[in-house]
PDB file of N, CA and C in Angstrom:
ATOM      1  N   UNK A   1       9.489  14.823  -5.137  1.00  0.00           N
ATOM      2  CA  UNK A   1      10.843  14.282  -5.105  1.00  0.00           C
ATOM      3  C   UNK A   1      11.321  14.464  -3.652  1.00  0.00           C
ATOM      4  N   UNK A   2      12.426  13.466  -3.542  1.00  0.00           N
ATOM      5  CA  UNK A   2      12.768  13.524  -2.161  1.00  0.00           C
ATOM      6  C   UNK A   2      13.253  14.987  -1.414  1.00  0.00           C
ATOM      7  N   UNK A   3      13.021  15.056  -0.206  1.00  0.00           N
ATOM      8  CA  UNK A   3      13.362  16.373   0.566  1.00  0.00           C
ATOM      9  C   UNK A   3      13.937  15.850   1.882  1.00  0.00           C
ATOM     10  N   UNK A   4      15.061  15.256   1.979  1.00  0.00           N
ATOM     11  CA  UNK A   4      15.697  15.047   3.281  1.00  0.00           C
ATOM     12  C   UNK A   4      17.066  15.237   3.382  1.00  0.00           C
ATOM     13  N   UNK A   5      17.315  16.674   2.990  1.00  0.00           N
ATOM     14  CA  UNK A   5      18.518  17.417   3.197  1.00  0.00           C
ATOM     15  C   UNK A   5      18.918  17.291   4.628  1.00  0.00           C
ATOM     16  N   UNK A   6      17.733  17.624   5.582  1.00  0.00           N
ATOM     17  CA  UNK A   6      17.859  17.534   7.019  1.00  0.00           C
ATOM     18  C   UNK A   6      17.406  16.213   7.501  1.00  0.00           C
ATOM     19  N   UNK A   7      18.155  15.299   7.916  1.00  0.00           N
ATOM     20  CA  UNK A   7      17.928  14.029   8.410  1.00  0.00           C
ATOM     21  C   UNK A   7      16.871  13.925   9.442  1.00  0.00           C
ATOM     22  N   UNK A   8      16.712  15.113  10.168  1.00  0.00           N
ATOM     23  CA  UNK A   8      15.607  15.145  11.469  1.00  0.00           C
ATOM     24  C   UNK A   8      14.643  15.936  11.038  1.00  0.00           C
ATOM     25  N   UNK A   9      14.288  16.313   9.756  1.00  0.00           N
ATOM     26  CA  UNK A   9      13.147  17.026   9.554  1.00  0.00           C
ATOM     27  C   UNK A   9      11.817  16.350   9.806  1.00  0.00           C
ATOM     28  N   UNK A  10      11.989  15.029   9.765  1.00  0.00           N
ATOM     29  CA  UNK A  10      10.672  14.323   9.769  1.00  0.00           C
ATOM     30  C   UNK A  10      10.488  13.770  11.352  1.00  0.00           C
ATOM     31  N   UNK A  11      11.393  14.138  12.145  1.00  0.00           N
ATOM     32  CA  UNK A  11      11.411  13.571  13.554  1.00  0.00           C
ATOM     33  C   UNK A  11      10.556  14.922  14.484  1.00  0.00           C
ATOM     34  N   UNK A  12       9.804  14.268  15.421  1.00  0.00           N
ATOM     35  CA  UNK A  12       8.965  15.025  16.180  1.00  0.00           C
ATOM     36  C   UNK A  12       9.289  14.670  17.713  1.00  0.00           C
ATOM     37  N   UNK A  13       9.142  15.613  18.510  1.00  0.00           N
ATOM     38  CA  UNK A  13       9.615  15.357  19.939  1.00  0.00           C
ATOM     39  C   UNK A  13       8.509  14.947  20.883  1.00  0.00           C
ATOM     40  N   UNK A  14       7.446  14.311  20.264  1.00  0.00           N
ATOM     41  CA  UNK A  14       6.415  13.505  21.096  1.00  0.00           C
ATOM     42  C   UNK A  14       5.845  12.329  20.446  1.00  0.00           C
ATOM     43  N   UNK A  15       5.222  11.531  21.028  1.00  0.00           N
ATOM     44  CA  UNK A  15       4.594  10.457  20.501  1.00  0.00           C
ATOM     45  C   UNK A  15       3.327  11.057  19.786  1.00  0.00           C
ATOM     46  N   UNK A  16       2.790  10.460  18.579  1.00  0.00           N
ATOM     47  CA  UNK A  16       1.703  10.923  17.879  1.00  0.00           C
ATOM     48  C   UNK A  16       0.397  10.078  18.234  1.00  0.00           C
ATOM     49  N   UNK A  17      -0.647  10.660  17.980  1.00  0.00           N
ATOM     50  CA  UNK A  17      -1.992   9.992  18.206  1.00  0.00           C
ATOM     51  C   UNK A  17      -2.264   9.020  17.006  1.00  0.00           C
ATOM     52  N   UNK A  18      -3.232   8.102  17.120  1.00  0.00           N
ATOM     53  CA  UNK A  18      -3.472   7.464  16.063  1.00  0.00           C
ATOM     54  C   UNK A  18      -3.999   8.194  14.915  1.00  0.00           C
ATOM     55  N   UNK A  19      -4.998   9.177  15.065  1.00  0.00           N
ATOM     56  CA  UNK A  19      -5.285  10.116  13.811  1.00  0.00           C
ATOM     57  C   UNK A  19      -4.282  10.591  13.075  1.00  0.00           C
ATOM     58  N   UNK A  20      -3.148  11.089  14.093  1.00  0.00           N
ATOM     59  CA  UNK A  20      -2.010  11.781  13.320  1.00  0.00           C
ATOM     60  C   UNK A  20      -1.139  10.574  12.651  1.00  0.00           C
ATOM     61  N   UNK A  21      -1.066   9.395  13.101  1.00  0.00           N
ATOM     62  CA  UNK A  21      -0.502   8.308  12.600  1.00  0.00           C
ATOM     63  C   UNK A  21      -0.931   7.878  11.276  1.00  0.00           C
ATOM     64  N   UNK A  22      -2.441   7.979  11.242  1.00  0.00           N
ATOM     65  CA  UNK A  22      -3.296   7.737  10.055  1.00  0.00           C
ATOM     66  C   UNK A  22      -2.830   8.685   9.090  1.00  0.00           C
ATOM     67  N   UNK A  23      -2.746  10.028   9.260  1.00  0.00           N
ATOM     68  CA  UNK A  23      -2.479  10.896   8.400  1.00  0.00           C
ATOM     69  C   UNK A  23      -1.052  10.650   7.686  1.00  0.00           C
ATOM     70  N   UNK A  24      -0.070  10.262   8.540  1.00  0.00           N
ATOM     71  CA  UNK A  24       1.314   9.944   8.326  1.00  0.00           C
ATOM     72  C   UNK A  24       1.451   8.826   7.389  1.00  0.00           C
ATOM     73  N   UNK A  25       0.496   7.663   7.654  1.00  0.00           N
ATOM     74  CA  UNK A  25       0.513   6.627   6.835  1.00  0.00           C
ATOM     75  C   UNK A  25      -0.049   6.917   5.399  1.00  0.00           C
ATOM     76  N   UNK A  26      -1.004   7.856   5.244  1.00  0.00           N
ATOM     77  CA  UNK A  26      -1.652   8.319   3.972  1.00  0.00           C
ATOM     78  C   UNK A  26      -0.446   8.956   3.064  1.00  0.00           C
ATOM     79  N   UNK A  27       0.254   9.765   3.727  1.00  0.00           N
ATOM     80  CA  UNK A  27       1.626  10.495   3.297  1.00  0.00           C
ATOM     81  C   UNK A  27       2.597   9.147   2.835  1.00  0.00           C
ATOM     82  N   UNK A  28       2.895   8.145   3.725  1.00  0.00           N
ATOM     83  CA  UNK A  28       3.757   7.161   3.429  1.00  0.00           C
ATOM     84  C   UNK A  28       3.117   6.408   2.084  1.00  0.00           C
ATOM     85  N   UNK A  29       1.711   6.231   1.973  1.00  0.00           N
ATOM     86  CA  UNK A  29       1.377   5.335   0.686  1.00  0.00           C
ATOM     87  C   UNK A  29       1.437   6.236  -0.408  1.00  0.00           C
ATOM     88  N   UNK A  30       1.345   7.479  -0.360  1.00  0.00           N
ATOM     89  CA  UNK A  30       1.696   8.555  -1.461  1.00  0.00           C
ATOM     90  C   UNK A  30       3.079   8.450  -1.905  1.00  0.00           C
ATOM     91  N   UNK A  31       3.973   8.280  -0.945  1.00  0.00           N
ATOM     92  CA  UNK A  31       5.501   8.128  -1.235  1.00  0.00           C
ATOM     93  C   UNK A  31       5.686   6.835  -1.880  1.00  0.00           C
ATOM     94  N   UNK A  32       5.102   5.840  -1.523  1.00  0.00           N
ATOM     95  CA  UNK A  32       5.141   4.579  -2.154  1.00  0.00           C
ATOM     96  C   UNK A  32       4.672   4.567  -3.578  1.00  0.00           C
ATOM     97  N   UNK A  33       3.418   5.298  -3.788  1.00  0.00           N
ATOM     98  CA  UNK A  33       2.867   5.361  -5.183  1.00  0.00           C
ATOM     99  C   UNK A  33       3.799   6.059  -6.228  1.00  0.00           C
ATOM    100  N   UNK A  34       4.511   7.071  -5.461  1.00  0.00           N
ATOM    101  CA  UNK A  34       5.297   8.020  -6.234  1.00  0.00           C
ATOM    102  C   UNK A  34       6.615   7.038  -6.712  1.00  0.00           C
ATOM    103  N   UNK A  35       7.035   6.001  -5.790  1.00  0.00           N
ATOM    104  CA  UNK A  35       8.302   5.353  -6.075  1.00  0.00           C
ATOM    105  C   UNK A  35       7.763   4.349  -6.935  1.00  0.00           C
ATOM    106  N   UNK A  36       6.695   3.841  -6.933  1.00  0.00           N
ATOM    107  CA  UNK A  36       6.329   2.880  -8.033  1.00  0.00           C
ATOM    108  C   UNK A  36       6.206   3.514  -9.261  1.00  0.00           C
ATOM    109  N   UNK A  37       5.641   4.767  -9.366  1.00  0.00           N
ATOM    110  CA  UNK A  37       5.791   5.432 -10.758  1.00  0.00           C
ATOM    111  C   UNK A  37       7.250   5.712 -11.287  1.00  0.00           C
ATOM    112  N   UNK A  38       7.990   6.050 -10.288  1.00  0.00           N
ATOM    113  CA  UNK A  38       9.395   6.352 -10.903  1.00  0.00           C
ATOM    114  C   UNK A  38      10.122   5.025 -11.318  1.00  0.00           C
ATOM    115  N   UNK A  39      10.178   4.016 -10.374  1.00  0.00           N
ATOM    116  CA  UNK A  39      10.623   2.651 -10.909  1.00  0.00           C
ATOM    117  C   UNK A  39      10.045   2.178 -12.166  1.00  0.00           C
ATOM    118  N   UNK A  40       8.914   2.213 -12.355  1.00  0.00           N
ATOM    119  CA  UNK A  40       8.109   1.701 -13.531  1.00  0.00           C
ATOM    120  C   UNK A  40       8.423   2.453 -14.803  1.00  0.00           C
ATOM    121  N   UNK A  41       8.827   3.865 -14.454  1.00  0.00           N
ATOM    122  CA  UNK A  41       9.293   4.607 -15.840  1.00  0.00           C
ATOM    123  C   UNK A  41      10.469   4.234 -16.066  1.00  0.00           C
ATOM    124  N   UNK A  42      11.472   4.105 -15.121  1.00  0.00           N
ATOM    125  CA  UNK A  42      12.959   3.682 -15.330  1.00  0.00           C
ATOM    126  C   UNK A  42      12.772   2.193 -15.915  1.00  0.00           C
ATOM    127  N   UNK A  43      11.888   1.415 -15.581  1.00  0.00           N
ATOM    128  CA  UNK A  43      11.688  -0.021 -16.062  1.00  0.00           C
ATOM    129  C   UNK A  43      11.472   0.009 -17.616  1.00  0.00           C
ATOM    130  N   UNK A  44      10.647   0.984 -17.888  1.00  0.00           N
ATOM    131  CA  UNK A  44      10.272   1.050 -19.403  1.00  0.00           C
ATOM    132  C   UNK A  44      11.179   1.941 -20.264  1.00  0.00           C
ATOM    133  N   UNK A  45      11.984   2.521 -19.482  1.00  0.00           N
ATOM    134  CA  UNK A  45      12.985   3.524 -20.145  1.00  0.00           C
ATOM    135  C   UNK A  45      14.203   2.752 -20.610  1.00  0.00           C
ATOM    136  N   UNK A  46      14.282   1.536 -20.476  1.00  0.00           N
ATOM    137  CA  UNK A  46      15.686   0.622 -20.627  1.00  0.00           C
ATOM    138  C   UNK A  46      15.264  -0.426 -21.308  1.00  0.00           C
ATOM    139  N   UNK A  47      16.209  -1.252 -22.234  1.00  0.00           N
ATOM    140  CA  UNK A  47      16.095  -2.505 -22.774  1.00  0.00           C
ATOM    141  C   UNK A  47      17.134  -3.565 -21.981  1.00  0.00           C
ATOM    142  N   UNK A  48      17.809  -3.048 -20.996  1.00  0.00           N
ATOM    143  CA  UNK A  48      18.860  -3.810 -20.408  1.00  0.00           C
ATOM    144  C   UNK A  48      18.094  -4.866 -19.628  1.00  0.00           C
ATOM    145  N   UNK A  49      18.225  -6.014 -19.854  1.00  0.00           N
ATOM    146  CA  UNK A  49      17.221  -7.269 -19.069  1.00  0.00           C
ATOM    147  C   UNK A  49      17.692  -7.313 -17.577  1.00  0.00           C
ATOM    148  N   UNK A  50      18.912  -6.992 -17.151  1.00  0.00           N
ATOM    149  CA  UNK A  50      19.313  -7.081 -15.711  1.00  0.00           C
ATOM    150  C   UNK A  50      18.563  -5.704 -15.102  1.00  0.00           C
ATOM    151  N   UNK A  51      18.716  -4.677 -15.620  1.00  0.00           N
ATOM    152  CA  UNK A  51      18.095  -3.480 -15.054  1.00  0.00           C
ATOM    153  C   UNK A  51      16.691  -3.519 -14.834  1.00  0.00           C
ATOM    154  N   UNK A  52      15.950  -4.164 -15.934  1.00  0.00           N
ATOM    155  CA  UNK A  52      14.643  -4.393 -16.079  1.00  0.00           C
ATOM    156  C   UNK A  52      14.136  -5.278 -14.798  1.00  0.00           C
ATOM    157  N   UNK A  53      14.936  -6.278 -14.634  1.00  0.00           N
ATOM    158  CA  UNK A  53      14.515  -7.522 -13.629  1.00  0.00           C
ATOM    159  C   UNK A  53      14.655  -6.673 -12.247  1.00  0.00           C
ATOM    160  N   UNK A  54      15.837  -5.940 -12.075  1.00  0.00           N
ATOM    161  CA  UNK A  54      15.853  -5.476 -10.748  1.00  0.00           C
ATOM    162  C   UNK A  54      14.942  -4.247 -10.345  1.00  0.00           C
ATOM    163  N   UNK A  55      14.749  -3.367 -11.458  1.00  0.00           N
ATOM    164  CA  UNK A  55      13.706  -2.288 -11.203  1.00  0.00           C
ATOM    165  C   UNK A  55      12.172  -2.749 -11.066  1.00  0.00           C
ATOM    166  N   UNK A  56      11.987  -3.952 -11.733  1.00  0.00           N
ATOM    167  CA  UNK A  56      10.715  -4.553 -11.522  1.00  0.00           C
ATOM    168  C   UNK A  56      10.639  -5.080 -10.038  1.00  0.00           C
ATOM    169  N   UNK A  57      11.559  -5.940  -9.664  1.00  0.00           N
ATOM    170  CA  UNK A  57      11.593  -6.245  -8.212  1.00  0.00           C
ATOM    171  C   UNK A  57      11.404  -5.165  -7.273  1.00  0.00           C
ATOM    172  N   UNK A  58      12.086  -4.105  -7.489  1.00  0.00           N
ATOM    173  CA  UNK A  58      12.077  -2.832  -6.480  1.00  0.00           C
ATOM    174  C   UNK A  58      10.604  -2.328  -6.629  1.00  0.00           C
ATOM    175  N   UNK A  59      10.268  -2.068  -7.817  1.00  0.00           N
ATOM    176  CA  UNK A  59       8.837  -1.503  -7.949  1.00  0.00           C
ATOM    177  C   UNK A  59       7.704  -2.418  -7.355  1.00  0.00           C
ATOM    178  N   UNK A  60       7.993  -3.694  -7.440  1.00  0.00           N
ATOM    179  CA  UNK A  60       6.960  -4.663  -6.858  1.00  0.00           C
ATOM    180  C   UNK A  60       6.996  -4.647  -5.208  1.00  0.00           C
ATOM    181  N   UNK A  61       8.225  -4.513  -4.667  1.00  0.00           N
ATOM    182  CA  UNK A  61       8.257  -4.308  -3.332  1.00  0.00           C
ATOM    183  C   UNK A  61       7.643  -3.234  -2.709  1.00  0.00           C
ATOM    184  N   UNK A  62       7.703  -1.911  -3.500  1.00  0.00           N
ATOM    185  CA  UNK A  62       6.911  -0.928  -3.034  1.00  0.00           C
ATOM    186  C   UNK A  62       5.369  -1.060  -3.070  1.00  0.00           C
ATOM    187  N   UNK A  63       4.920  -1.845  -4.032  1.00  0.00           N
ATOM    188  CA  UNK A  63       3.500  -2.427  -4.003  1.00  0.00           C
ATOM    189  C   UNK A  63       3.219  -3.069  -2.833  1.00  0.00           C
ATOM    190  N   UNK A  64       4.142  -3.992  -2.398  1.00  0.00           N
ATOM    191  CA  UNK A  64       3.797  -4.791  -0.944  1.00  0.00           C
ATOM    192  C   UNK A  64       3.866  -3.799   0.205  1.00  0.00           C
ATOM    193  N   UNK A  65       4.585  -2.771   0.137  1.00  0.00           N
ATOM    194  CA  UNK A  65       4.676  -1.795   1.165  1.00  0.00           C
ATOM    195  C   UNK A  65       3.332  -1.262   1.351  1.00  0.00           C
ATOM    196  N   UNK A  66       2.644  -0.915   0.001  1.00  0.00           N
ATOM    197  CA  UNK A  66       1.296  -0.213   0.206  1.00  0.00           C
ATOM    198  C   UNK A  66       0.370  -1.378   0.790  1.00  0.00           C
ATOM    199  N   UNK A  67       0.444  -2.528   0.583  1.00  0.00           N
ATOM    200  CA  UNK A  67      -0.290  -3.592   1.044  1.00  0.00           C
ATOM    201  C   UNK A  67      -0.198  -3.565   2.798  1.00  0.00           C
ATOM    202  N   UNK A  68       1.038  -3.418   3.142  1.00  0.00           N
ATOM    203  CA  UNK A  68       1.531  -3.338   4.575  1.00  0.00           C
ATOM    204  C   UNK A  68       0.899  -2.272   5.247  1.00  0.00           C
ATOM    205  N   UNK A  69       0.968  -0.967   4.540  1.00  0.00           N
ATOM    206  CA  UNK A  69       0.599   0.331   5.100  1.00  0.00           C
ATOM    207  C   UNK A  69      -0.924   0.275   5.172  1.00  0.00           C
ATOM    208  N   UNK A  70      -1.549  -0.248   4.190  1.00  0.00           N
ATOM    209  CA  UNK A  70      -3.074  -0.423   4.052  1.00  0.00           C
ATOM    210  C   UNK A  70      -3.542  -1.262   5.312  1.00  0.00           C
ATOM    211  N   UNK A  71      -2.854  -2.481   5.357  1.00  0.00           N
ATOM    212  CA  UNK A  71      -3.325  -3.320   6.565  1.00  0.00           C
ATOM    213  C   UNK A  71      -3.285  -2.592   7.958  1.00  0.00           C
ATOM    214  N   UNK A  72      -1.998  -1.955   8.247  1.00  0.00           N
ATOM    215  CA  UNK A  72      -1.911  -1.165   9.334  1.00  0.00           C
ATOM    216  C   UNK A  72      -3.016  -0.071   9.560  1.00  0.00           C
ATOM    217  N   UNK A  73      -3.341   0.603   8.659  1.00  0.00           N
ATOM    218  CA  UNK A  73      -4.448   1.422   8.676  1.00  0.00           C
ATOM    219  C   UNK A  73      -5.693   0.851   8.919  1.00  0.00           C
ATOM    220  N   UNK A  74      -6.028  -0.187   8.518  1.00  0.00           N
ATOM    221  CA  UNK A  74      -7.194  -1.012   8.747  1.00  0.00           C
ATOM    222  C   UNK A  74      -7.169  -1.471  10.088  1.00  0.00           C
ATOM    223  N   UNK A  75      -6.001  -1.760  10.653  1.00  0.00           N
ATOM    224  CA  UNK A  75      -5.814  -2.013  12.126  1.00  0.00           C
ATOM    225  C   UNK A  75      -6.188  -0.977  12.954  1.00  0.00           C
ATOM    226  N   UNK A  76      -5.936   0.344  12.667  1.00  0.00           N
ATOM    227  CA  UNK A  76      -5.705   1.458  13.452  1.00  0.00           C
ATOM    228  C   UNK A  76      -7.146   2.115  13.499  1.00  0.00           C
ATOM    229  N   UNK A  77      -7.938   1.872  12.279  1.00  0.00           N
ATOM    230  CA  UNK A  77      -9.109   2.526  12.007  1.00  0.00           C
ATOM    231  C   UNK A  77     -10.052   1.665  11.130  1.00  0.00           C
ATOM    232  N   UNK A  78     -10.690   0.802  12.031  1.00  0.00           N
ATOM    233  CA  UNK A  78     -11.783  -0.233  11.417  1.00  0.00           C
ATOM    234  C   UNK A  78     -12.786   0.594  10.599  1.00  0.00           C
ATOM    235  N   UNK A  79     -13.125   1.812  11.002  1.00  0.00           N
ATOM    236  CA  UNK A  79     -14.203   2.528  10.140  1.00  0.00           C
ATOM    237  C   UNK A  79     -13.636   2.839   8.690  1.00  0.00           C
ATOM    238  N   UNK A  80     -12.354   3.240   8.708  1.00  0.00           N
ATOM    239  CA  UNK A  80     -11.642   3.516   7.583  1.00  0.00           C
ATOM    240  C   UNK A  80     -11.758   2.073   6.644  1.00  0.00           C
ATOM    241  N   UNK A  81     -11.430   1.201   7.293  1.00  0.00           N
ATOM    242  CA  UNK A  81     -11.388  -0.337   6.658  1.00  0.00           C
ATOM    243  C   UNK A  81     -12.639  -0.454   6.122  1.00  0.00           C
ATOM    244  N   UNK A  82     -13.648  -0.234   6.625  1.00  0.00           N
ATOM    245  CA  UNK A  82     -15.108  -0.319   5.991  1.00  0.00           C
ATOM    246  C   UNK A  82     -15.193   0.341   4.724  1.00  0.00           C
ATOM    247  N   UNK A  83     -14.698   1.650   4.629  1.00  0.00           N
ATOM    248  CA  UNK A  83     -14.842   2.304   3.376  1.00  0.00           C
ATOM    249  C   UNK A  83     -13.890   1.754   2.431  1.00  0.00           C
ATOM    250  N   UNK A  84     -12.866   1.145   2.582  1.00  0.00           N
ATOM    251  CA  UNK A  84     -11.935   0.260   1.572  1.00  0.00           C
ATOM    252  C   UNK A  84     -12.686  -0.950   1.091  1.00  0.00           C
ATOM    253  N   UNK A  85     -13.326  -1.643   1.986  1.00  0.00           N
ATOM    254  CA  UNK A  85     -14.121  -2.974   1.641  1.00  0.00           C
ATOM    255  C   UNK A  85     -15.399  -2.436   0.983  1.00  0.00           C
ATOM    256  N   UNK A  86     -15.975  -1.394   1.121  1.00  0.00           N
ATOM    257  CA  UNK A  86     -17.077  -0.924   0.501  1.00  0.00           C
ATOM    258  C   UNK A  86     -16.699  -0.525  -1.060  1.00  0.00           C
ATOM    259  N   UNK A  87     -15.492  -0.034  -1.319  1.00  0.00           N
ATOM    260  CA  UNK A  87     -15.191   0.329  -2.450  1.00  0.00           C
ATOM    261  C   UNK A  87     -14.621  -0.942  -3.362  1.00  0.00           C
ATOM    262  N   UNK A  88     -14.341  -1.963  -2.639  1.00  0.00           N
ATOM    263  CA  UNK A  88     -13.985  -3.188  -3.307  1.00  0.00           C
ATOM    264  C   UNK A  88     -15.184  -3.849  -3.679  1.00  0.00           C
ATOM    265  N   UNK A  89     -16.166  -3.670  -3.099  1.00  0.00           N
ATOM    266  CA  UNK A  89     -17.560  -4.289  -3.210  1.00  0.00           C
ATOM    267  C   UNK A  89     -18.172  -3.843  -4.344  1.00  0.00           C
ATOM    268  N   UNK A  90     -18.028  -2.417  -4.485  1.00  0.00           N
ATOM    269  CA  UNK A  90     -18.674  -1.731  -5.559  1.00  0.00           C
ATOM    270  C   UNK A  90     -18.041  -2.020  -6.910  1.00  0.00           C
ATOM    271  N   UNK A  91     -16.486  -2.321  -6.829  1.00  0.00           N
ATOM    272  CA  UNK A  91     -15.777  -2.390  -8.019  1.00  0.00           C
ATOM    273  C   UNK A  91     -16.325  -4.132  -8.425  1.00  0.00           C
ATOM    274  N   UNK A  92     -16.496  -5.092  -7.491  1.00  0.00           N
ATOM    275  CA  UNK A  92     -17.106  -6.314  -7.606  1.00  0.00           C
ATOM    276  C   UNK A  92     -18.294  -6.412  -8.444  1.00  0.00           C
ATOM    277  N   UNK A  93     -19.450  -5.544  -7.834  1.00  0.00           N
ATOM    278  CA  UNK A  93     -20.427  -5.523  -8.552  1.00  0.00           C
ATOM    279  C   UNK A  93     -20.599  -4.900  -9.952  1.00  0.00           C
ATOM    280  N   UNK A  94     -19.703  -3.919 -10.160  1.00  0.00           N
ATOM    281  CA  UNK A  94     -19.560  -3.471 -11.605  1.00  0.00           C
ATOM    282  C   UNK A  94     -19.029  -4.343 -12.397  1.00  0.00           C
ATOM    283  N   UNK A  95     -18.058  -5.164 -12.042  1.00  0.00           N
ATOM    284  CA  UNK A  95     -17.391  -6.263 -12.833  1.00  0.00           C
ATOM    285  C   UNK A  95     -18.445  -7.360 -13.120  1.00  0.00           C
ATOM    286  N   UNK A  96     -19.278  -7.731 -12.059  1.00  0.00           N
ATOM    287  CA  UNK A  96     -20.192  -8.713 -12.170  1.00  0.00           C
ATOM    288  C   UNK A  96     -21.475  -8.165 -13.185  1.00  0.00           C
ATOM    289  N   UNK A  97     -21.785  -6.981 -13.087  1.00  0.00           N
ATOM    290  CA  UNK A  97     -22.732  -6.471 -13.992  1.00  0.00           C
ATOM    291  C   UNK A  97     -22.318  -6.400 -15.593  1.00  0.00           C
ATOM    292  N   UNK A  98     -21.060  -6.353 -15.594  1.00  0.00           N
ATOM    293  CA  UNK A  98     -20.411  -6.287 -17.085  1.00  0.00           C
ATOM    294  C   UNK A  98     -20.020  -7.829 -17.473  1.00  0.00           C
ATOM    295  N   UNK A  99     -20.470  -8.709 -16.668  1.00  0.00           N
ATOM    296  CA  UNK A  99     -20.135 -10.288 -17.028  1.00  0.00           C
ATOM    297  C   UNK A  99     -18.702 -10.304 -16.930  1.00  0.00           C
ATOM    298  N   UNK A 100     -17.841  -9.772 -16.261  1.00  0.00           N
ATOM    299  CA  UNK A 100     -16.597  -9.993 -16.025  1.00  0.00           C
ATOM    300  C   UNK A 100     -16.120 -10.390 -14.679  1.00  0.00           C
ATOM    301  N   UNK A 101     -16.782 -11.316 -14.005  1.00  0.00           N
ATOM    302  CA  UNK A 101     -16.665 -11.769 -12.779  1.00  0.00           C
ATOM    303  C   UNK A 101     -15.193 -12.623 -12.800  1.00  0.00           C
ATOM    304  N   UNK A 102     -14.840 -13.183 -13.950  1.00  0.00           N
ATOM    305  CA  UNK A 102     -13.356 -13.717 -14.054  1.00  0.00           C
ATOM    306  C   UNK A 102     -12.408 -12.806 -13.511  1.00  0.00           C
ATOM    307  N   UNK A 103     -12.643 -11.544 -13.682  1.00  0.00           N
ATOM    308  CA  UNK A 103     -11.490 -10.559 -13.292  1.00  0.00           C
ATOM    309  C   UNK A 103     -11.596 -10.189 -11.562  1.00  0.00           C
ATOM    310  N   UNK A 104     -12.627 -10.860 -10.977  1.00  0.00           N
ATOM    311  CA  UNK A 104     -12.589 -10.714  -9.534  1.00  0.00           C
ATOM    312  C   UNK A 104     -11.389 -11.131  -8.921  1.00  0.00           C
ATOM    313  N   UNK A 105     -10.916 -10.182  -7.729  1.00  0.00           N
ATOM    314  CA  UNK A 105      -9.805 -10.579  -7.109  1.00  0.00           C
ATOM    315  C   UNK A 105     -10.181 -11.411  -6.060  1.00  0.00           C
ATOM    316  N   UNK A 106      -9.428 -12.645  -6.025  1.00  0.00           N
ATOM    317  CA  UNK A 106      -9.761 -13.470  -4.683  1.00  0.00           C
ATOM    318  C   UNK A 106      -9.244 -12.869  -3.476  1.00  0.00           C
ATOM    319  N   UNK A 107      -9.984 -13.268  -2.474  1.00  0.00           N
ATOM    320  CA  UNK A 107      -9.575 -12.915  -0.967  1.00  0.00           C
ATOM    321  C   UNK A 107      -8.109 -13.289  -0.818  1.00  0.00           C
ATOM    322  N   UNK A 108      -7.435 -12.481  -0.179  1.00  0.00           N
ATOM    323  CA  UNK A 108      -5.994 -12.684   0.168  1.00  0.00           C
ATOM    324  C   UNK A 108      -5.996 -13.994   1.075  1.00  0.00           C
ATOM    325  N   UNK A 109      -5.137 -14.885   0.919  1.00  0.00           N
ATOM    326  CA  UNK A 109      -4.813 -16.025   1.871  1.00  0.00           C
ATOM    327  C   UNK A 109      -3.775 -15.650   2.816  1.00  0.00           C
ATOM    328  N   UNK A 110      -3.685 -16.241   4.055  1.00  0.00           N
ATOM    329  CA  UNK A 110      -2.618 -16.007   4.977  1.00  0.00           C
ATOM    330  C   UNK A 110      -2.980 -15.000   5.993  1.00  0.00           C
ATOM    331  N   UNK A 111      -1.999 -14.825   6.836  1.00  0.00           N
ATOM    332  CA  UNK A 111      -2.234 -14.141   8.022  1.00  0.00           C
ATOM    333  C   UNK A 111      -2.857 -12.589   7.803  1.00  0.00           C
ATOM    334  N   UNK A 112      -3.706 -12.187   8.836  1.00  0.00           N
ATOM    335  CA  UNK A 112      -4.136 -11.061   8.763  1.00  0.00           C
ATOM    336  C   UNK A 112      -3.590 -10.001  10.012  1.00  0.00           C
ATOM    337  N   UNK A 113      -3.880  -8.819  10.204  1.00  0.00           N
ATOM    338  CA  UNK A 113      -3.478  -8.303  11.314  1.00  0.00           C
ATOM    339  C   UNK A 113      -4.044  -8.835  12.522  1.00  0.00           C
ATOM    340  N   UNK A 114      -5.640  -9.202  12.424  1.00  0.00           N
ATOM    341  CA  UNK A 114      -6.277  -9.686  13.521  1.00  0.00           C
ATOM    342  C   UNK A 114      -5.837 -11.162  13.746  1.00  0.00           C
ATOM    343  N   UNK A 115      -5.460 -11.917  12.927  1.00  0.00           N
ATOM    344  CA  UNK A 115      -4.890 -13.260  13.173  1.00  0.00           C
ATOM    345  C   UNK A 115      -3.633 -13.230  13.933  1.00  0.00           C
ATOM    346  N   UNK A 116      -2.805 -12.295  13.565  1.00  0.00           N
ATOM    347  CA  UNK A 116      -1.407 -12.010  13.908  1.00  0.00           C
ATOM    348  C   UNK A 116      -1.515 -11.544  15.508  1.00  0.00           C
ATOM    349  N   UNK A 117      -2.548 -10.714  15.854  1.00  0.00           N
ATOM    350  CA  UNK A 117      -2.788 -10.000  17.212  1.00  0.00           C
ATOM    351  C   UNK A 117      -3.247 -11.425  18.008  1.00  0.00           C
ATOM    352  N   UNK A 118      -4.240 -12.140  17.548  1.00  0.00           N
ATOM    353  CA  UNK A 118      -4.569 -13.411  18.279  1.00  0.00           C
ATOM    354  C   UNK A 118      -3.413 -14.337  18.713  1.00  0.00           C
ATOM    355  N   UNK A 119      -2.362 -14.457  17.724  1.00  0.00           N
ATOM    356  CA  UNK A 119      -1.367 -15.372  17.943  1.00  0.00           C
ATOM    357  C   UNK A 119      -0.517 -14.846  19.119  1.00  0.00           C
ATOM    358  N   UNK A 120      -0.366 -13.586  19.258  1.00  0.00           N
ATOM    359  CA  UNK A 120       0.509 -12.944  20.386  1.00  0.00           C
ATOM    360  C   UNK A 120      -0.189 -13.248  21.614  1.00  0.00           C
ATOM    361  N   UNK A 121      -1.404 -13.337  21.753  1.00  0.00           N
ATOM    362  CA  UNK A 121      -1.976 -13.580  23.131  1.00  0.00           C
ATOM    363  C   UNK A 121      -2.031 -14.948  23.634  1.00  0.00           C
TER     364      UNK A 121
END
């Protein structure tokens, strides 16, 4: 549950290193997952169509935040990105071995961290 009684409890008096930032991002992702769980529980707990629409939208925005955080992690630590991709490939292989290749997730279209960095130069 939230713990922000002191608005400065998350602030530190120095810049953090990339390994520390990666740890912070993992915590951020955990927070996003918790928010998804809570919004989804609220979504399922009501029959009000307006509330369901709004809660589903907020829940799905949190999912997008996870994608943004994961992309940032991939930028900061390409080795970690390799593990993410390894896991993705393992699931693809399992789906194919179960003749469920129609469930394979297509690669995302659009800009990547790498393409955005190239645009800036």
